[in-house]
Amino acid sequence: MASPPGLLAVAREKMRTRHLALRTELAYLQWLRRYLVFHGRRHPRHLGAPEVEQFLTHLAVHRKVSAATQNQALQALLFLYRHVLQIELPWLDNITRASHPRRRPVVLSRAEVRSLLSQLQGAPWLVANLLYGSGLRLMEALRLRVKDLALERGELIVREAKGGKDRVTVLPAVLDPPLRGHLTRLRAWYEEERRRARPGVSVPFALARKYPQAATQWGWQYLFPSADLCRDPYEKTIQRAVQGAVRKAGISQPASSHTLRHCFATHLLEDGTFVRCRNCSATLTSRPRWSTCMSWGRARTACAAPSTGKAGRRDPQRSRTGVCEPANRFCRHAS
């Protein structure tokens, strides 16, 4: 008779039933393991509020984790008790949460961005330009597929972004020739992979059963495939390349690959561009409200579309002449 699945296996099933992101699943499982080890592998049913508080205090005092990390550990424990053990206890809502300090993100000047990008080459250069020119997160760029590019319209589609939502963002005209050249080289590599009968790419959910040939079709191929077979895009290569470029460019600020996304929004706001139109679904940064983008830079004004459903619009081609001036053609609702 097969033994019942362990606690962590049940937790993993519950997370996948709720379609939690892969990174969230891995983070929660890691915190549950640490929680069990911290309390001598006692079953969580025999632990209560004092043990949870003791573990969170250990993280803050002895491990010196940030408030965000401490709250992530708390969320993992709440998921364990509520959804895995199905225990609704009054103390679950009374656990003290760490307060988040408000910090301004690092934003580089246009000259610093230009200097940083000049230190990169090859695929890291193209990825970094997409982060800055289109406002992508790093994993959003690495998960791009060929079918997500619309070069003729100067757009690209971000699938399954933060919160599981899709969005359309802009593509700077200056990146059109490099992207077409990259696609040509990628097509040659793709044809060679097919001749060797190598495995295809992963496809989301049950599409592999619905469309058995999708994994080996050109449109589903990743725009930046790994040289080796892997389960998930490996972002460390790009992160290290950007860190090296920051040092070579002599930038003193602690910039990272995500800093380029901050620069994208800030530079658009400084130019008076509407990063988000409240009257339509078009959005470049996938922020819940356009007003939250104000904390990204020194801009004084943001989207002020009147209640009549009209929104201002600037010349679509004005900022599409170079990577260091992110494209601003995004609001189709404008008149």
Foldseek 3Di string as FASTA:
>chain_A
DDDDDDLLVLLLVLCVVVPDDPVLNVLLSVLVVVLCVVVVNDDCVPDDDVSLLVVLVCCCPVVVDALVSSVSSLVSVLCSQCPRVVHDDPCNVVRDGDDHDDDFDDADDLVLLVQLLVLDDDPLSLLLLCCQQQLDDSQQQQQFFQLQDDLVVQKGKRALPVVRDIAITGHFNVCSVVLVVLLVVVVVVLVVCVVVVHWFQDDPDCVCVVPVCLRSDRRNHGSDDDPDDDDGDDRVVSFVSSVVSCVVSVPPDPDTSSNSSLNNLALCLVVVFAQDDPLDPHHRNPDPDSVVNCSSYDHDDHWDADPVQAGDDDDQNPQRPDSSRHGRPIDPSHD
